[in-house]
């Protein structure tokens, strides 16, 4: 199926991850929540329809019973993307409640539409499934334009690129109850990203691409059908 093939660009095969990438990150968390005092955008999805602030790409997402339902159309060749555009900036805190409702995974993705060195301006993202949370530097990793083009064309990466890509993600074991609501919290300060699930520190990841200073989009990307989202918020540094 085309859809399954397209999802592959959002994930790194295990062979391209560090052998120790599933180990817990160094703790405790170091990025202070006090760094993020400015609420840029928030949505409790209490309206009867999706706010006009939300952009949609290959998406049938909708509001149902007071939550956003992330839906990839059955004939789509790309995962559902729901986008909030923001003023360009680097340090961000993003939080969202989520519940599995058929989809096996989702991603919170950060982009810069003006960045030409990475595919579609992808800068970094966090992927969440029932068993793993993975943090990615896409700008200098899997979405770096030459690497993404080679992977799409199924060309073999040379040994140096394989070793480099092992440093561009951080994979952490989790164990989520798929029948329950959970909260994901992501903080980025400079070249460091920290992730939390239900208030628990999951791990820290440091990579140069995270420091990109003009991130201007935050996306919720849903693999297949369906994922429930609620209480979405983006915060930045005080103005």
Protein backbone atom coordinates (compact mmCIF):
# COMPACT_ATOMS: atom_id res chain seq x y z
CA UNK A 1 0.00 0.00 0.00
CA UNK A 2 1.22 3.50 -0.79
CA UNK A 3 0.33 4.75 2.66
CA UNK A 4 2.54 2.22 4.43
CA UNK A 5 5.46 3.08 2.17
CA UNK A 6 5.09 6.79 2.88
CA UNK A 7 5.08 6.26 6.63
CA UNK A 8 8.57 4.79 6.42
CA UNK A 9 10.17 8.19 5.89
CA UNK A 10 9.18 9.21 9.45
CA UNK A 11 11.05 6.34 11.13
CA UNK A 12 14.62 5.07 11.24
CA UNK A 13 15.21 1.31 10.92
CA UNK A 14 16.66 -0.18 14.10
CA UNK A 15 19.92 -0.84 12.24
CA UNK A 16 20.39 2.93 11.94
CA UNK A 17 19.97 3.57 15.67
CA UNK A 18 22.62 3.35 18.34
CA UNK A 19 22.76 0.02 20.14
CA UNK A 20 22.14 1.80 23.46
CA UNK A 21 19.42 4.13 22.16
CA UNK A 22 16.66 2.35 24.07
CA UNK A 23 18.36 2.97 27.42
CA UNK A 24 16.80 5.61 29.71
CA UNK A 25 18.06 9.12 29.08
CA UNK A 26 20.21 10.92 31.61
CA UNK A 27 18.07 12.36 34.38
CA UNK A 28 16.63 14.27 35.91
CA UNK A 29 15.24 16.77 33.40
CA UNK A 30 17.31 19.93 33.02
CA UNK A 31 15.18 22.31 30.92
CA UNK A 32 13.21 24.54 33.25
CA UNK A 33 9.48 24.97 32.61
CA UNK A 34 9.99 28.58 33.69
CA UNK A 35 11.79 29.14 30.38
CA UNK A 36 8.42 28.97 28.60
CA UNK A 37 6.08 31.70 29.82
CA UNK A 38 4.41 32.80 26.58
CA UNK A 39 1.35 30.85 25.40
CA UNK A 40 1.49 30.94 21.61
CA UNK A 41 -1.51 28.74 20.87
CA UNK A 42 -3.87 26.43 22.72
CA UNK A 43 -6.95 24.45 21.77
CA UNK A 44 -9.26 22.40 23.98
CA UNK A 45 -11.34 21.42 20.91
CA UNK A 46 -14.53 22.50 22.66
CA UNK A 47 -15.99 24.06 19.51
CA UNK A 48 -18.17 21.99 17.24
CA UNK A 49 -15.66 22.10 14.40
CA UNK A 50 -11.92 22.35 13.90
CA UNK A 51 -10.55 25.89 14.26
CA UNK A 52 -9.52 27.69 11.07
CA UNK A 53 -6.05 28.01 12.61
CA UNK A 54 -5.50 24.33 11.86
CA UNK A 55 -4.05 23.60 8.44
CA UNK A 56 -4.74 20.15 6.96
CA UNK A 57 -2.79 17.98 4.52
CA UNK A 58 -3.99 14.55 3.37
CA UNK A 59 -6.25 14.66 6.41
CA UNK A 60 -9.84 13.87 7.30
CA UNK A 61 -9.37 14.96 10.92
CA UNK A 62 -12.43 16.30 12.69
CA UNK A 63 -13.90 17.23 16.07
CA UNK A 64 -15.89 14.49 17.78
CA UNK A 65 -17.24 14.62 21.33
CA UNK A 66 -14.98 17.51 22.29
CA UNK A 67 -11.69 16.05 21.02
CA UNK A 68 -9.79 16.22 17.76
CA UNK A 69 -9.79 12.92 15.92
CA UNK A 70 -6.69 12.52 13.74
CA UNK A 71 -7.70 10.60 10.61
CA UNK A 72 -5.70 9.61 7.55
CA UNK A 73 -8.08 9.01 4.62
CA UNK A 74 -8.09 5.40 3.46
CA UNK A 75 -6.87 6.32 -0.03
CA UNK A 76 -4.19 8.79 1.15
CA UNK A 77 -0.54 8.29 0.17
CA UNK A 78 0.72 10.27 3.18
CA UNK A 79 -0.12 10.32 6.90
CA UNK A 80 -2.66 12.90 8.08
CA UNK A 81 -1.00 16.23 8.95
CA UNK A 82 -2.70 18.89 11.08
CA UNK A 83 -0.64 22.06 11.31
CA UNK A 84 -0.42 25.20 13.43
CA UNK A 85 1.69 28.00 12.00
CA UNK A 86 3.57 30.23 14.44
CA UNK A 87 6.00 33.12 14.36
CA UNK A 88 9.49 31.72 13.67
CA UNK A 89 11.35 30.79 16.86
CA UNK A 90 13.67 28.18 18.33
CA UNK A 91 12.82 27.25 21.92
CA UNK A 92 9.36 25.70 22.29
CA UNK A 93 7.25 23.67 24.70
CA UNK A 94 4.46 21.56 23.22
CA UNK A 95 1.94 19.49 25.16
CA UNK A 96 -0.97 17.35 24.03
CA UNK A 97 -3.22 14.71 25.55
CA UNK A 98 -3.73 11.67 23.35
CA UNK A 99 -5.49 8.32 23.21
CA UNK A 100 -4.99 5.47 20.76
CA UNK A 101 -8.16 4.84 18.78
CA UNK A 102 -6.97 2.54 15.99
CA UNK A 103 -3.77 4.25 14.88
CA UNK A 104 -0.57 2.67 16.19
CA UNK A 105 1.46 5.89 16.36
CA UNK A 106 1.60 9.63 15.96
CA UNK A 107 4.26 12.34 15.75
CA UNK A 108 4.66 15.91 16.92
CA UNK A 109 6.69 17.50 14.15
CA UNK A 110 8.48 20.85 13.93
CA UNK A 111 9.12 22.47 10.56
CA UNK A 112 10.47 25.60 8.92
CA UNK A 113 8.86 26.15 5.55
CA UNK A 114 11.85 28.26 4.39
CA UNK A 115 14.49 25.62 5.19
CA UNK A 116 15.74 24.14 1.91
CA UNK A 117 18.37 21.78 3.31
CA UNK A 118 15.79 19.32 4.65
CA UNK A 119 12.81 17.67 2.94
CA UNK A 120 9.68 19.82 3.28
CA UNK A 121 11.40 21.90 5.95
CA UNK A 122 11.36 19.11 8.54
CA UNK A 123 13.50 20.10 11.54
CA UNK A 124 12.79 17.58 14.32
CA UNK A 125 10.03 15.41 15.71
CA UNK A 126 8.91 13.05 18.45
CA UNK A 127 7.23 9.77 17.51
CA UNK A 128 5.06 7.93 20.03
CA UNK A 129 3.75 4.37 19.90
CA UNK A 130 2.53 2.01 22.61
CA UNK A 131 6.05 0.73 23.34
CA UNK A 132 8.48 3.44 22.23
CA UNK A 133 9.09 7.18 22.23
CA UNK A 134 11.68 8.32 19.69
CA UNK A 135 13.19 11.79 19.38
CA UNK A 136 14.63 12.74 15.99
CA UNK A 137 16.87 15.44 14.54
CA UNK A 138 15.43 15.34 11.04
CA UNK A 139 17.21 18.43 9.68
CA UNK A 140 20.66 16.86 9.93
CA UNK A 141 19.40 13.26 9.91
CA UNK A 142 16.70 11.35 8.01
CA UNK A 143 15.17 14.46 6.43
CA UNK A 144 18.47 15.97 5.27
CA UNK A 145 17.67 16.36 1.61
CA UNK A 146 20.36 14.15 0.11
CA UNK A 147 19.76 11.39 2.67
CA UNK A 148 16.00 11.49 2.27
CA UNK A 149 16.36 11.31 -1.51
CA UNK A 150 18.65 8.27 -1.24
CA UNK A 151 16.31 6.48 1.16
CA UNK A 152 13.29 7.22 -1.02
CA UNK A 153 15.16 5.82 -4.04
CA UNK A 154 16.15 2.78 -1.92
CA UNK A 155 19.84 3.51 -2.49
CA UNK A 156 22.31 1.97 -0.05
CA UNK A 157 23.79 4.47 2.39
CA UNK A 158 27.54 4.33 2.82
CA UNK A 159 29.03 3.32 6.16
CA UNK A 160 29.79 6.88 7.25
CA UNK A 161 26.17 7.98 6.73
CA UNK A 162 24.87 4.93 8.59
CA UNK A 163 27.10 5.74 11.56
CA UNK A 164 26.09 9.41 11.46
CA UNK A 165 22.37 8.58 11.44
CA UNK A 166 22.83 6.53 14.60
CA UNK A 167 23.51 9.81 16.40
CA UNK A 168 20.41 11.55 15.05
CA UNK A 169 17.73 9.84 17.12
CA UNK A 170 17.13 8.71 20.68
CA UNK A 171 14.78 5.76 21.26
CA UNK A 172 13.24 5.07 24.66
CA UNK A 173 11.10 2.18 25.88
CA UNK A 174 7.69 3.03 27.29
CA UNK A 175 4.61 0.94 28.08
CA UNK A 176 1.33 2.76 27.52
CA UNK A 177 -2.19 1.60 28.27
CA UNK A 178 -3.84 2.00 24.87
CA UNK A 179 -7.29 2.28 26.44
CA UNK A 180 -6.34 5.31 28.57
CA UNK A 181 -5.64 8.99 27.94
CA UNK A 182 -2.00 10.10 28.24
CA UNK A 183 -0.16 13.42 28.07
CA UNK A 184 2.94 14.10 25.97
CA UNK A 185 5.13 17.08 26.89
CA UNK A 186 8.13 18.16 24.79
CA UNK A 187 10.58 20.92 25.61
CA UNK A 188 13.27 22.22 23.25
CA UNK A 189 15.93 24.65 24.40
CA UNK A 190 18.86 25.25 22.10
CA UNK A 191 20.13 21.90 20.81
CA UNK A 192 18.47 19.88 23.60
CA UNK A 193 15.07 18.18 23.57
CA UNK A 194 13.39 16.57 26.61
CA UNK A 195 10.23 14.45 26.54
CA UNK A 196 7.74 13.46 29.23
CA UNK A 197 4.75 11.11 29.30
CA UNK A 198 2.14 11.62 32.02
CA UNK A 199 4.59 13.82 33.94
CA UNK A 200 7.36 11.22 33.88
CA UNK A 201 10.69 12.20 32.36
CA UNK A 202 11.36 9.82 29.45
CA UNK A 203 14.62 11.09 28.07
CA UNK A 204 16.88 13.81 26.74
CA UNK A 205 18.35 14.17 23.26
CA UNK A 206 21.02 16.58 22.07
CA UNK A 207 21.73 17.23 18.40
CA UNK A 208 22.69 20.28 16.36
CA UNK A 209 19.55 20.40 14.20
CA UNK A 210 17.31 20.92 17.23
CA UNK A 211 18.82 24.39 17.67
CA UNK A 212 17.23 25.60 14.42
CA UNK A 213 16.04 29.06 15.41
CA UNK A 214 13.16 29.64 12.99
CA UNK A 215 10.72 26.79 13.52
CA UNK A 216 7.41 28.10 12.16
CA UNK A 217 5.09 25.08 12.19
CA UNK A 218 4.05 22.44 14.70
CA UNK A 219 2.28 19.41 13.23
CA UNK A 220 0.27 16.53 14.64
CA UNK A 221 0.88 13.67 12.21
CA UNK A 222 -1.36 10.62 12.53
CA UNK A 223 -0.42 7.21 11.15
CA UNK A 224 -3.52 5.64 9.57
CA UNK A 225 -6.80 5.85 11.56
CA UNK A 226 -7.58 7.11 14.30
CA UNK A 227 -5.89 9.01 17.17
CA UNK A 228 -7.70 11.20 19.72
CA UNK A 229 -6.10 14.53 20.75
CA UNK A 230 -7.09 17.06 23.40
CA UNK A 231 -5.68 20.03 25.34
CA UNK A 232 -3.07 20.97 22.73
CA UNK A 233 -0.74 23.84 23.69
CA UNK A 234 2.34 25.56 22.30
CA UNK A 235 4.43 27.82 24.54
CA UNK A 236 7.47 29.93 23.79
CA UNK A 237 9.94 32.17 25.53
CA UNK A 238 8.47 35.29 27.10
CA UNK A 239 8.25 38.24 24.76
